[in-house]
Amino acid sequence: MTDKPVKKRTPRKSNRELMQAIYGAALTILTEAGYDHVTFSSVAKRAKTARAVLYRRWQSPFALLYDAVQYFSDAQDETPESVDLTAHSLRDNLVYAVGRLRTSFQFFGTDYQFMQAFLAELSRKTPQINQIMADLRRQNLYWMDRILAQAAATGEINHPVTDDVKLVPFQLILFQAMTDPEKITDTYVENLVDQVVLPAFQAYNEGGS
């Protein structure tokens, strides 16, 4: 009697390897087949994992896609807390923060398929897109609050600034990413800060509370 060969198990992926496989699979399917083909089933099959893994972590394929885009963005490892703002002027800190927005938004703005998906979800006002927009608003307000707190400490800003004014660079960069992301250059960022953001902050600073 001969022994049956023992089937070797495929080594389990680490959490990081699994996330990379899932995100890579989602973006590949998006590029090759389009948004309608990005489903939990198709992503799980391509990433060689179980659909349950995806269902547990994401509410929708779009939420997965959004995380995938952010994962591969150059800005994804950076947090406001990790950046030292104390040695720079208000303008320099604004250029840095808006440049960070540029890196994040331009990454998915140049992917036509993802932008189509983003706009489709935005028009439907799904719970996922509403949550994403709320999270983006909160994150960008936090960046601006840190920058303005530093500017107040150095005397560059003497009055509070409304949330609407703080969000001006976020809204303009997002709009540009949706319409013509290639124009979001270093010069565009500096002009946005010098011609729009700083004057708005300073006018509010001079004009009243």
N, C-alpha and C. Protein backbone atom coordinates (compact mmCIF):
# COMPACT_ATOMS: atom_id res chain seq x y z
N MET A 1 0.84 -1.18 0.00
CA MET A 1 0.00 0.00 0.00
C MET A 1 0.89 1.25 0.00
N THR A 2 0.65 2.12 -0.93
CA THR A 2 1.46 3.33 -1.03
C THR A 2 0.78 4.48 -0.31
N ASP A 3 1.60 5.28 0.33
CA ASP A 3 1.05 6.46 1.01
C ASP A 3 0.63 7.50 -0.01
N LYS A 4 -0.51 8.15 0.28
CA LYS A 4 -0.96 9.23 -0.58
C LYS A 4 -0.10 10.47 -0.33
N PRO A 5 0.23 11.17 -1.40
CA PRO A 5 1.04 12.38 -1.20
C PRO A 5 0.27 13.40 -0.36
N VAL A 6 0.99 14.04 0.52
CA VAL A 6 0.37 15.05 1.38
C VAL A 6 0.32 16.37 0.63
N LYS A 7 -0.87 16.89 0.54
CA LYS A 7 -1.04 18.17 -0.16
C LYS A 7 -0.57 19.31 0.74
N LYS A 8 0.39 20.07 0.21
CA LYS A 8 0.91 21.18 1.00
C LYS A 8 -0.08 22.34 1.02
N ARG A 9 -0.25 22.92 2.19
CA ARG A 9 -1.10 24.09 2.30
C ARG A 9 -0.37 25.34 1.82
N THR A 10 -1.14 26.20 1.17
CA THR A 10 -0.57 27.47 0.77
C THR A 10 -0.35 28.32 2.01
N PRO A 11 0.85 28.86 2.19
CA PRO A 11 1.10 29.68 3.38
C PRO A 11 0.11 30.84 3.48
N ARG A 12 -0.36 31.09 4.69
CA ARG A 12 -1.30 32.19 4.89
C ARG A 12 -0.60 33.53 4.69
N LYS A 13 -1.30 34.43 4.03
CA LYS A 13 -0.76 35.77 3.84
C LYS A 13 -0.79 36.53 5.17
N SER A 14 0.20 37.39 5.37
CA SER A 14 0.14 38.30 6.50
C SER A 14 -0.97 39.32 6.23
N ASN A 15 -1.38 40.06 7.24
CA ASN A 15 -2.44 41.04 7.07
C ASN A 15 -2.05 42.07 6.01
N ARG A 16 -0.79 42.51 6.04
CA ARG A 16 -0.35 43.49 5.06
C ARG A 16 -0.37 42.92 3.65
N GLU A 17 0.10 41.69 3.50
CA GLU A 17 0.09 41.05 2.19
C GLU A 17 -1.33 40.86 1.68
N LEU A 18 -2.23 40.52 2.59
CA LEU A 18 -3.63 40.33 2.21
C LEU A 18 -4.24 41.65 1.74
N MET A 19 -3.98 42.73 2.49
CA MET A 19 -4.52 44.03 2.10
C MET A 19 -3.97 44.46 0.75
N GLN A 20 -2.68 44.26 0.54
CA GLN A 20 -2.08 44.62 -0.75
C GLN A 20 -2.70 43.82 -1.89
N ALA A 21 -2.95 42.55 -1.65
CA ALA A 21 -3.56 41.70 -2.67
C ALA A 21 -4.99 42.15 -2.98
N ILE A 22 -5.74 42.47 -1.94
CA ILE A 22 -7.13 42.91 -2.13
C ILE A 22 -7.17 44.25 -2.85
N TYR A 23 -6.38 45.20 -2.38
CA TYR A 23 -6.38 46.53 -3.01
C TYR A 23 -5.89 46.46 -4.45
N GLY A 24 -4.84 45.68 -4.67
CA GLY A 24 -4.33 45.54 -6.03
C GLY A 24 -5.34 44.89 -6.95
N ALA A 25 -6.04 43.90 -6.44
CA ALA A 25 -7.06 43.22 -7.24
C ALA A 25 -8.19 44.17 -7.61
N ALA A 26 -8.64 44.96 -6.64
CA ALA A 26 -9.75 45.89 -6.88
C ALA A 26 -9.39 46.91 -7.95
N LEU A 27 -8.19 47.48 -7.86
CA LEU A 27 -7.78 48.50 -8.83
C LEU A 27 -7.52 47.90 -10.21
N THR A 28 -7.01 46.68 -10.24
CA THR A 28 -6.78 46.01 -11.53
C THR A 28 -8.10 45.75 -12.24
N ILE A 29 -9.07 45.25 -11.50
CA ILE A 29 -10.39 44.99 -12.09
C ILE A 29 -11.02 46.29 -12.58
N LEU A 30 -10.89 47.34 -11.78
CA LEU A 30 -11.42 48.65 -12.17
C LEU A 30 -10.82 49.09 -13.50
N THR A 31 -9.51 48.98 -13.62
CA THR A 31 -8.81 49.43 -14.83
C THR A 31 -9.13 48.56 -16.03
N GLU A 32 -9.17 47.25 -15.81
CA GLU A 32 -9.34 46.33 -16.93
C GLU A 32 -10.80 46.15 -17.37
N ALA A 33 -11.73 46.20 -16.40
CA ALA A 33 -13.11 45.84 -16.73
C ALA A 33 -14.12 46.94 -16.43
N GLY A 34 -13.75 47.93 -15.60
CA GLY A 34 -14.68 49.00 -15.28
C GLY A 34 -15.34 48.81 -13.91
N TYR A 35 -15.94 49.88 -13.43
CA TYR A 35 -16.50 49.92 -12.08
C TYR A 35 -17.58 48.87 -11.84
N ASP A 36 -18.42 48.65 -12.84
CA ASP A 36 -19.52 47.69 -12.66
C ASP A 36 -19.03 46.28 -12.37
N HIS A 37 -17.78 45.99 -12.73
CA HIS A 37 -17.24 44.64 -12.51
C HIS A 37 -16.47 44.51 -11.20
N VAL A 38 -16.37 45.61 -10.47
CA VAL A 38 -15.71 45.54 -9.16
C VAL A 38 -16.74 45.10 -8.13
N THR A 39 -16.76 43.82 -7.84
CA THR A 39 -17.67 43.25 -6.85
C THR A 39 -16.84 42.52 -5.80
N PHE A 40 -17.46 42.24 -4.67
CA PHE A 40 -16.74 41.49 -3.65
C PHE A 40 -16.32 40.11 -4.17
N SER A 41 -17.17 39.52 -4.99
CA SER A 41 -16.85 38.19 -5.54
C SER A 41 -15.64 38.25 -6.46
N SER A 42 -15.63 39.24 -7.37
CA SER A 42 -14.54 39.31 -8.33
C SER A 42 -13.22 39.67 -7.65
N VAL A 43 -13.29 40.57 -6.67
CA VAL A 43 -12.07 40.97 -5.96
C VAL A 43 -11.53 39.80 -5.13
N ALA A 44 -12.42 39.11 -4.44
CA ALA A 44 -12.00 37.97 -3.61
C ALA A 44 -11.36 36.89 -4.47
N LYS A 45 -11.94 36.63 -5.62
CA LYS A 45 -11.40 35.61 -6.51
C LYS A 45 -10.00 35.99 -7.00
N ARG A 46 -9.84 37.23 -7.39
CA ARG A 46 -8.54 37.67 -7.92
C ARG A 46 -7.49 37.75 -6.82
N ALA A 47 -7.91 38.14 -5.61
CA ALA A 47 -6.97 38.25 -4.49
C ALA A 47 -6.74 36.92 -3.80
N LYS A 48 -7.47 35.89 -4.22
CA LYS A 48 -7.36 34.55 -3.63
C LYS A 48 -7.66 34.57 -2.13
N THR A 49 -8.82 35.14 -1.83
CA THR A 49 -9.28 35.15 -0.44
C THR A 49 -10.78 34.92 -0.42
N ALA A 50 -11.35 34.83 0.77
CA ALA A 50 -12.78 34.56 0.90
C ALA A 50 -13.59 35.86 0.84
N ARG A 51 -14.77 35.76 0.26
CA ARG A 51 -15.63 36.95 0.20
C ARG A 51 -15.96 37.47 1.59
N ALA A 52 -16.05 36.57 2.56
CA ALA A 52 -16.38 36.98 3.92
C ALA A 52 -15.38 37.99 4.48
N VAL A 53 -14.12 37.87 4.06
CA VAL A 53 -13.08 38.81 4.50
C VAL A 53 -13.44 40.23 4.06
N LEU A 54 -13.94 40.35 2.85
CA LEU A 54 -14.31 41.65 2.31
C LEU A 54 -15.60 42.17 2.94
N TYR A 55 -16.57 41.30 3.09
CA TYR A 55 -17.85 41.72 3.67
C TYR A 55 -17.68 42.21 5.10
N ARG A 56 -16.74 41.61 5.82
CA ARG A 56 -16.52 42.02 7.22
C ARG A 56 -15.89 43.40 7.31
N ARG A 57 -15.10 43.76 6.31
CA ARG A 57 -14.30 44.99 6.41
C ARG A 57 -14.93 46.18 5.71
N TRP A 58 -15.65 45.96 4.61
CA TRP A 58 -16.17 47.08 3.82
C TRP A 58 -17.67 46.94 3.60
N GLN A 59 -18.34 48.08 3.57
CA GLN A 59 -19.78 48.09 3.37
C GLN A 59 -20.17 47.97 1.91
N SER A 60 -19.25 48.33 1.02
CA SER A 60 -19.56 48.30 -0.41
C SER A 60 -18.27 48.19 -1.22
N PRO A 61 -18.36 47.76 -2.48
CA PRO A 61 -17.17 47.73 -3.33
C PRO A 61 -16.54 49.11 -3.49
N PHE A 62 -17.37 50.16 -3.52
CA PHE A 62 -16.78 51.49 -3.65
C PHE A 62 -15.95 51.86 -2.43
N ALA A 63 -16.44 51.53 -1.23
CA ALA A 63 -15.66 51.80 -0.02
C ALA A 63 -14.31 51.10 -0.08
N LEU A 64 -14.31 49.88 -0.61
CA LEU A 64 -13.06 49.14 -0.81
C LEU A 64 -12.16 49.86 -1.80
N LEU A 65 -12.72 50.30 -2.92
CA LEU A 65 -11.94 51.00 -3.93
C LEU A 65 -11.32 52.27 -3.38
N TYR A 66 -12.11 53.00 -2.61
CA TYR A 66 -11.61 54.26 -2.04
C TYR A 66 -10.41 53.99 -1.12
N ASP A 67 -10.53 52.97 -0.30
CA ASP A 67 -9.41 52.61 0.59
C ASP A 67 -8.20 52.17 -0.22
N ALA A 68 -8.44 51.48 -1.33
CA ALA A 68 -7.34 51.02 -2.17
C ALA A 68 -6.58 52.20 -2.76
N VAL A 69 -7.31 53.20 -3.23
CA VAL A 69 -6.68 54.39 -3.79
C VAL A 69 -5.87 55.12 -2.73
N GLN A 70 -6.45 55.26 -1.54
CA GLN A 70 -5.74 55.92 -0.45
C GLN A 70 -4.50 55.13 -0.03
N TYR A 71 -4.61 53.82 -0.05
CA TYR A 71 -3.49 52.97 0.36
C TYR A 71 -2.26 53.19 -0.52
N PHE A 72 -2.50 53.34 -1.82
CA PHE A 72 -1.38 53.50 -2.75
C PHE A 72 -0.99 54.96 -2.97
N SER A 73 -1.68 55.88 -2.30
CA SER A 73 -1.32 57.29 -2.39
C SER A 73 -0.05 57.55 -1.60
N ASP A 74 0.78 58.48 -2.08
CA ASP A 74 2.02 58.83 -1.39
C ASP A 74 1.76 59.46 -0.03
N ALA A 75 0.57 60.03 0.16
CA ALA A 75 0.28 60.76 1.40
C ALA A 75 -0.32 59.88 2.48
N GLN A 76 -0.54 58.59 2.19
CA GLN A 76 -1.35 57.78 3.09
C GLN A 76 -0.69 57.48 4.43
N ASP A 77 0.64 57.55 4.53
CA ASP A 77 1.31 57.24 5.78
C ASP A 77 1.44 58.44 6.71
N GLU A 78 1.04 59.61 6.24
CA GLU A 78 1.28 60.83 6.98
C GLU A 78 0.04 61.27 7.74
N THR A 79 0.23 61.74 8.96
CA THR A 79 -0.85 62.27 9.77
C THR A 79 -0.48 63.66 10.23
N PRO A 80 -1.47 64.50 10.56
CA PRO A 80 -1.15 65.85 11.04
C PRO A 80 -0.22 65.83 12.25
N GLU A 81 -0.40 64.83 13.12
CA GLU A 81 0.41 64.77 14.33
C GLU A 81 1.88 64.51 14.03
N SER A 82 2.17 63.88 12.90
CA SER A 82 3.55 63.51 12.59
C SER A 82 4.33 64.64 11.92
N VAL A 83 3.67 65.74 11.61
CA VAL A 83 4.31 66.84 10.89
C VAL A 83 4.59 68.00 11.84
N ASP A 84 5.83 68.47 11.83
CA ASP A 84 6.22 69.61 12.67
C ASP A 84 5.92 70.91 11.92
N LEU A 85 4.98 71.68 12.45
CA LEU A 85 4.58 72.94 11.82
C LEU A 85 5.23 74.15 12.47
N THR A 86 5.96 73.95 13.54
CA THR A 86 6.40 75.07 14.38
C THR A 86 7.49 75.92 13.75
N ALA A 87 8.26 75.36 12.83
CA ALA A 87 9.40 76.09 12.27
C ALA A 87 9.06 76.83 10.98
N HIS A 88 7.79 76.88 10.63
CA HIS A 88 7.41 77.43 9.33
C HIS A 88 6.35 78.51 9.48
N SER A 89 6.25 79.35 8.44
CA SER A 89 5.26 80.42 8.43
C SER A 89 3.89 79.86 8.07
N LEU A 90 2.87 80.69 8.24
CA LEU A 90 1.51 80.29 7.86
C LEU A 90 1.47 79.91 6.39
N ARG A 91 2.10 80.72 5.54
CA ARG A 91 2.09 80.43 4.10
C ARG A 91 2.76 79.08 3.82
N ASP A 92 3.94 78.86 4.41
CA ASP A 92 4.65 77.61 4.17
C ASP A 92 3.84 76.40 4.60
N ASN A 93 3.19 76.51 5.76
CA ASN A 93 2.38 75.40 6.25
C ASN A 93 1.16 75.16 5.36
N LEU A 94 0.57 76.23 4.83
CA LEU A 94 -0.57 76.09 3.93
C LEU A 94 -0.13 75.44 2.61
N VAL A 95 1.01 75.87 2.09
CA VAL A 95 1.52 75.26 0.85
C VAL A 95 1.76 73.77 1.06
N TYR A 96 2.30 73.43 2.22
CA TYR A 96 2.56 72.02 2.51
C TYR A 96 1.24 71.23 2.59
N ALA A 97 0.27 71.76 3.34
CA ALA A 97 -1.00 71.05 3.53
C ALA A 97 -1.77 70.92 2.23
N VAL A 98 -1.82 71.99 1.44
CA VAL A 98 -2.52 71.94 0.15
C VAL A 98 -1.78 71.01 -0.81
N GLY A 99 -0.45 71.00 -0.73
CA GLY A 99 0.32 70.07 -1.55
C GLY A 99 0.01 68.63 -1.20
N ARG A 100 -0.22 68.38 0.08
CA ARG A 100 -0.60 67.04 0.52
C ARG A 100 -1.96 66.66 -0.07
N LEU A 101 -2.91 67.60 -0.08
CA LEU A 101 -4.20 67.36 -0.72
C LEU A 101 -4.01 67.04 -2.19
N ARG A 102 -3.12 67.79 -2.82
CA ARG A 102 -2.84 67.56 -4.24
C ARG A 102 -2.39 66.12 -4.47
N THR A 103 -1.46 65.65 -3.63
CA THR A 103 -0.94 64.29 -3.79
C THR A 103 -2.05 63.26 -3.68
N SER A 104 -2.92 63.46 -2.69
CA SER A 104 -4.00 62.50 -2.45
C SER A 104 -5.04 62.54 -3.56
N PHE A 105 -5.56 63.74 -3.89
CA PHE A 105 -6.64 63.85 -4.85
C PHE A 105 -6.17 63.62 -6.28
N GLN A 106 -4.94 64.08 -6.59
CA GLN A 106 -4.47 63.91 -7.96
C GLN A 106 -4.27 62.44 -8.29
N PHE A 107 -3.94 61.65 -7.27
CA PHE A 107 -3.74 60.21 -7.48
C PHE A 107 -4.99 59.57 -8.06
N PHE A 108 -6.18 59.87 -7.43
CA PHE A 108 -7.36 59.24 -8.00
C PHE A 108 -8.00 60.08 -9.09
N GLY A 109 -7.64 61.37 -9.16
CA GLY A 109 -8.18 62.20 -10.23
C GLY A 109 -7.66 61.79 -11.59
N THR A 110 -6.42 61.28 -11.63
CA THR A 110 -5.85 60.86 -12.91
C THR A 110 -6.34 59.48 -13.34
N ASP A 111 -7.01 58.78 -12.44
CA ASP A 111 -7.59 57.48 -12.80
C ASP A 111 -9.04 57.72 -13.22
N TYR A 112 -9.26 57.76 -14.54
CA TYR A 112 -10.58 58.11 -15.06
C TYR A 112 -11.66 57.17 -14.54
N GLN A 113 -11.35 55.88 -14.49
CA GLN A 113 -12.34 54.90 -14.04
C GLN A 113 -12.75 55.17 -12.59
N PHE A 114 -11.77 55.46 -11.74
CA PHE A 114 -12.12 55.71 -10.34
C PHE A 114 -12.91 57.00 -10.20
N MET A 115 -12.53 58.04 -10.94
CA MET A 115 -13.27 59.29 -10.85
C MET A 115 -14.71 59.11 -11.31
N GLN A 116 -14.93 58.30 -12.33
CA GLN A 116 -16.29 58.01 -12.76
C GLN A 116 -17.08 57.33 -11.64
N ALA A 117 -16.43 56.40 -10.96
CA ALA A 117 -17.08 55.72 -9.84
C ALA A 117 -17.37 56.70 -8.71
N PHE A 118 -16.41 57.56 -8.42
CA PHE A 118 -16.56 58.55 -7.35
C PHE A 118 -17.74 59.47 -7.64
N LEU A 119 -17.81 59.98 -8.87
CA LEU A 119 -18.89 60.89 -9.23
C LEU A 119 -20.25 60.17 -9.23
N ALA A 120 -20.25 58.91 -9.64
CA ALA A 120 -21.50 58.15 -9.62
C ALA A 120 -22.02 58.00 -8.20
N GLU A 121 -21.12 57.66 -7.28
CA GLU A 121 -21.52 57.51 -5.88
C GLU A 121 -21.93 58.86 -5.29
N LEU A 122 -21.22 59.90 -5.68
CA LEU A 122 -21.53 61.25 -5.17
C LEU A 122 -22.93 61.67 -5.60
N SER A 123 -23.31 61.36 -6.84
CA SER A 123 -24.63 61.74 -7.34
C SER A 123 -25.74 60.94 -6.66
N ARG A 124 -25.42 59.72 -6.22
CA ARG A 124 -26.42 58.89 -5.54
C ARG A 124 -26.55 59.24 -4.05
N LYS A 125 -25.57 59.95 -3.53
CA LYS A 125 -25.55 60.32 -2.11
C LYS A 125 -25.71 59.08 -1.23
N THR A 126 -24.94 58.06 -1.55
CA THR A 126 -25.02 56.83 -0.77
C THR A 126 -24.45 57.05 0.63
N PRO A 127 -24.83 56.22 1.59
CA PRO A 127 -24.28 56.37 2.95
C PRO A 127 -22.76 56.32 2.98
N GLN A 128 -22.17 55.47 2.11
CA GLN A 128 -20.72 55.35 2.08
C GLN A 128 -20.05 56.64 1.61
N ILE A 129 -20.57 57.24 0.53
CA ILE A 129 -19.95 58.47 0.02
C ILE A 129 -20.19 59.61 1.00
N ASN A 130 -21.34 59.64 1.64
CA ASN A 130 -21.59 60.67 2.65
C ASN A 130 -20.60 60.56 3.80
N GLN A 131 -20.30 59.32 4.21
CA GLN A 131 -19.35 59.11 5.29
C GLN A 131 -17.95 59.50 4.86
N ILE A 132 -17.59 59.16 3.63
CA ILE A 132 -16.27 59.51 3.11
C ILE A 132 -16.10 61.02 3.06
N MET A 133 -17.12 61.72 2.56
CA MET A 133 -17.02 63.18 2.49
C MET A 133 -16.96 63.80 3.88
N ALA A 134 -17.70 63.23 4.82
CA ALA A 134 -17.66 63.73 6.20
C ALA A 134 -16.28 63.50 6.81
N ASP A 135 -15.68 62.34 6.53
CA ASP A 135 -14.34 62.04 7.05
C ASP A 135 -13.30 62.98 6.44
N LEU A 136 -13.41 63.23 5.14
CA LEU A 136 -12.49 64.15 4.48
C LEU A 136 -12.61 65.55 5.06
N ARG A 137 -13.85 65.97 5.30
CA ARG A 137 -14.08 67.29 5.89
C ARG A 137 -13.43 67.38 7.27
N ARG A 138 -13.65 66.36 8.07
CA ARG A 138 -13.08 66.34 9.43
C ARG A 138 -11.56 66.35 9.39
N GLN A 139 -10.97 65.52 8.52
CA GLN A 139 -9.51 65.45 8.43
C GLN A 139 -8.90 66.79 8.00
N ASN A 140 -9.53 67.43 7.02
CA ASN A 140 -8.97 68.68 6.52
C ASN A 140 -9.19 69.84 7.48
N LEU A 141 -10.28 69.80 8.21
CA LEU A 141 -10.47 70.81 9.26
C LEU A 141 -9.42 70.65 10.35
N TYR A 142 -9.08 69.41 10.65
CA TYR A 142 -8.06 69.18 11.68
C TYR A 142 -6.71 69.72 11.23
N TRP A 143 -6.34 69.49 9.96
CA TRP A 143 -5.11 70.06 9.42
C TRP A 143 -5.13 71.58 9.55
N MET A 144 -6.22 72.21 9.11
CA MET A 144 -6.31 73.67 9.15
C MET A 144 -6.28 74.19 10.57
N ASP A 145 -6.93 73.50 11.49
CA ASP A 145 -6.93 73.94 12.89
C ASP A 145 -5.52 73.91 13.46
N ARG A 146 -4.75 72.90 13.13
CA ARG A 146 -3.36 72.84 13.60
C ARG A 146 -2.53 73.98 13.02
N ILE A 147 -2.71 74.23 11.72
CA ILE A 147 -1.96 75.30 11.07
C ILE A 147 -2.34 76.66 11.64
N LEU A 148 -3.62 76.88 11.85
CA LEU A 148 -4.08 78.17 12.37
C LEU A 148 -3.68 78.35 13.84
N ALA A 149 -3.65 77.27 14.59
CA ALA A 149 -3.20 77.36 15.98
C ALA A 149 -1.73 77.80 16.03
N GLN A 150 -0.92 77.26 15.13
CA GLN A 150 0.48 77.66 15.06
C GLN A 150 0.60 79.12 14.62
N ALA A 151 -0.22 79.52 13.64
CA ALA A 151 -0.19 80.92 13.18
C ALA A 151 -0.63 81.87 14.29
N ALA A 152 -1.59 81.45 15.09
CA ALA A 152 -2.03 82.28 16.22
C ALA A 152 -0.92 82.41 17.26
N ALA A 153 -0.18 81.33 17.46
CA ALA A 153 0.92 81.35 18.44
C ALA A 153 2.03 82.30 18.02
N THR A 154 2.22 82.49 16.72
CA THR A 154 3.28 83.39 16.23
C THR A 154 2.75 84.78 15.88
N GLY A 155 1.44 85.00 16.08
CA GLY A 155 0.87 86.32 15.83
C GLY A 155 0.46 86.59 14.40
N GLU A 156 0.51 85.56 13.52
CA GLU A 156 0.13 85.78 12.12
C GLU A 156 -1.38 85.84 11.94
N ILE A 157 -2.11 85.18 12.82
CA ILE A 157 -3.57 85.20 12.80
C ILE A 157 -4.06 85.58 14.20
N ASN A 158 -4.95 86.58 14.24
CA ASN A 158 -5.41 87.07 15.54
C ASN A 158 -6.90 86.85 15.81
N HIS A 159 -7.60 86.29 14.85
CA HIS A 159 -9.03 86.05 15.00
C HIS A 159 -9.37 84.64 14.51
N PRO A 160 -10.48 84.09 15.01
CA PRO A 160 -10.89 82.77 14.52
C PRO A 160 -11.31 82.83 13.05
N VAL A 161 -11.21 81.71 12.37
CA VAL A 161 -11.59 81.60 10.97
C VAL A 161 -12.71 80.56 10.88
N THR A 162 -13.73 80.85 10.09
CA THR A 162 -14.86 79.93 10.00
C THR A 162 -14.46 78.64 9.29
N ASP A 163 -15.22 77.59 9.53
CA ASP A 163 -14.96 76.30 8.87
C ASP A 163 -15.09 76.43 7.36
N ASP A 164 -16.04 77.24 6.88
CA ASP A 164 -16.21 77.40 5.44
C ASP A 164 -14.94 77.94 4.79
N VAL A 165 -14.30 78.89 5.45
CA VAL A 165 -13.06 79.46 4.91
C VAL A 165 -11.92 78.44 5.00
N LYS A 166 -11.86 77.71 6.10
CA LYS A 166 -10.81 76.69 6.27
C LYS A 166 -10.88 75.63 5.17
N LEU A 167 -12.09 75.35 4.70
CA LEU A 167 -12.28 74.27 3.73
C LEU A 167 -12.13 74.71 2.28
N VAL A 168 -11.88 76.01 2.05
CA VAL A 168 -11.74 76.50 0.68
C VAL A 168 -10.69 75.73 -0.12
N PRO A 169 -9.46 75.54 0.39
CA PRO A 169 -8.48 74.79 -0.42
C PRO A 169 -8.90 73.36 -0.72
N PHE A 170 -9.51 72.70 0.26
CA PHE A 170 -10.00 71.32 0.05
C PHE A 170 -11.01 71.27 -1.08
N GLN A 171 -11.97 72.20 -1.05
CA GLN A 171 -13.02 72.18 -2.06
C GLN A 171 -12.49 72.50 -3.45
N LEU A 172 -11.55 73.45 -3.54
CA LEU A 172 -11.00 73.82 -4.84
C LEU A 172 -10.12 72.72 -5.42
N ILE A 173 -9.31 72.09 -4.58
CA ILE A 173 -8.47 70.99 -5.06
C ILE A 173 -9.33 69.81 -5.50
N LEU A 174 -10.38 69.51 -4.75
CA LEU A 174 -11.27 68.41 -5.12
C LEU A 174 -11.95 68.68 -6.45
N PHE A 175 -12.43 69.92 -6.63
CA PHE A 175 -13.06 70.28 -7.90
C PHE A 175 -12.08 70.15 -9.06
N GLN A 176 -10.85 70.62 -8.85
CA GLN A 176 -9.85 70.55 -9.91
C GLN A 176 -9.51 69.10 -10.23
N ALA A 177 -9.45 68.26 -9.21
CA ALA A 177 -9.17 66.84 -9.42
C ALA A 177 -10.26 66.18 -10.24
N MET A 178 -11.49 66.63 -10.06
CA MET A 178 -12.62 66.07 -10.79
C MET A 178 -12.65 66.53 -12.25
N THR A 179 -12.17 67.75 -12.50
CA THR A 179 -12.31 68.33 -13.83
C THR A 179 -11.04 68.27 -14.67
N ASP A 180 -9.89 68.57 -14.07
CA ASP A 180 -8.65 68.59 -14.84
C ASP A 180 -7.46 68.38 -13.90
N PRO A 181 -7.26 67.15 -13.43
CA PRO A 181 -6.23 66.90 -12.41
C PRO A 181 -4.81 67.21 -12.86
N GLU A 182 -4.55 67.19 -14.16
CA GLU A 182 -3.20 67.44 -14.64
C GLU A 182 -2.75 68.87 -14.35
N LYS A 183 -3.69 69.77 -14.12
CA LYS A 183 -3.34 71.16 -13.86
C LYS A 183 -2.96 71.42 -12.40
N ILE A 184 -3.07 70.40 -11.55
CA ILE A 184 -2.73 70.59 -10.14
C ILE A 184 -1.21 70.41 -9.98
N THR A 185 -0.48 71.45 -10.34
CA THR A 185 0.97 71.46 -10.28
C THR A 185 1.43 72.19 -9.01
N ASP A 186 2.75 72.20 -8.79
CA ASP A 186 3.30 72.97 -7.66
C ASP A 186 2.93 74.44 -7.79
N THR A 187 2.98 74.95 -9.02
CA THR A 187 2.63 76.36 -9.25
C THR A 187 1.16 76.61 -8.93
N TYR A 188 0.29 75.67 -9.32
CA TYR A 188 -1.13 75.80 -9.01
C TYR A 188 -1.34 75.88 -7.50
N VAL A 189 -0.65 75.00 -6.75
CA VAL A 189 -0.79 74.98 -5.29
C VAL A 189 -0.35 76.30 -4.69
N GLU A 190 0.80 76.81 -5.12
CA GLU A 190 1.30 78.08 -4.58
C GLU A 190 0.38 79.24 -4.93
N ASN A 191 -0.13 79.26 -6.16
CA ASN A 191 -1.06 80.33 -6.55
C ASN A 191 -2.36 80.25 -5.75
N LEU A 192 -2.83 79.03 -5.51
CA LEU A 192 -4.04 78.85 -4.73
C LEU A 192 -3.87 79.42 -3.32
N VAL A 193 -2.72 79.14 -2.73
CA VAL A 193 -2.45 79.66 -1.39
C VAL A 193 -2.28 81.17 -1.42
N ASP A 194 -1.47 81.69 -2.35
CA ASP A 194 -1.15 83.12 -2.37
C ASP A 194 -2.32 83.99 -2.82
N GLN A 195 -3.12 83.49 -3.76
CA GLN A 195 -4.15 84.32 -4.36
C GLN A 195 -5.55 84.10 -3.79
N VAL A 196 -5.75 82.95 -3.12
CA VAL A 196 -7.09 82.64 -2.61
C VAL A 196 -7.09 82.40 -1.10
N VAL A 197 -6.31 81.45 -0.63
CA VAL A 197 -6.41 81.02 0.76
C VAL A 197 -5.89 82.07 1.73
N LEU A 198 -4.65 82.53 1.52
CA LEU A 198 -4.10 83.54 2.42
C LEU A 198 -4.92 84.82 2.43
N PRO A 199 -5.31 85.37 1.26
CA PRO A 199 -6.16 86.56 1.29
C PRO A 199 -7.47 86.34 2.04
N ALA A 200 -8.06 85.15 1.89
CA ALA A 200 -9.31 84.87 2.60
C ALA A 200 -9.08 84.85 4.10
N PHE A 201 -8.01 84.21 4.54
CA PHE A 201 -7.69 84.17 5.97
C PHE A 201 -7.40 85.57 6.50
N GLN A 202 -6.62 86.35 5.74
CA GLN A 202 -6.22 87.67 6.20
C GLN A 202 -7.37 88.67 6.16
N ALA A 203 -8.23 88.56 5.15
CA ALA A 203 -9.39 89.44 5.09
C ALA A 203 -10.31 89.18 6.27
N TYR A 204 -10.49 87.92 6.57
CA TYR A 204 -11.32 87.58 7.73
C TYR A 204 -10.65 88.05 9.01
N ASN A 205 -9.34 87.94 9.05
CA ASN A 205 -8.57 88.37 10.22
C ASN A 205 -8.73 89.87 10.46
N GLU A 206 -8.77 90.65 9.35
CA GLU A 206 -8.87 92.09 9.46
C GLU A 206 -10.30 92.57 9.58
N GLY A 207 -11.25 91.74 9.03
CA GLY A 207 -12.61 92.23 8.87
C GLY A 207 -13.53 92.02 10.04
N GLY A 208 -13.20 91.12 10.93
CA GLY A 208 -14.10 90.94 12.06
C GLY A 208 -14.13 89.52 12.52
N SER A 209 -14.94 89.25 13.53
CA SER A 209 -14.98 87.93 14.15
C SER A 209 -16.05 87.08 13.52
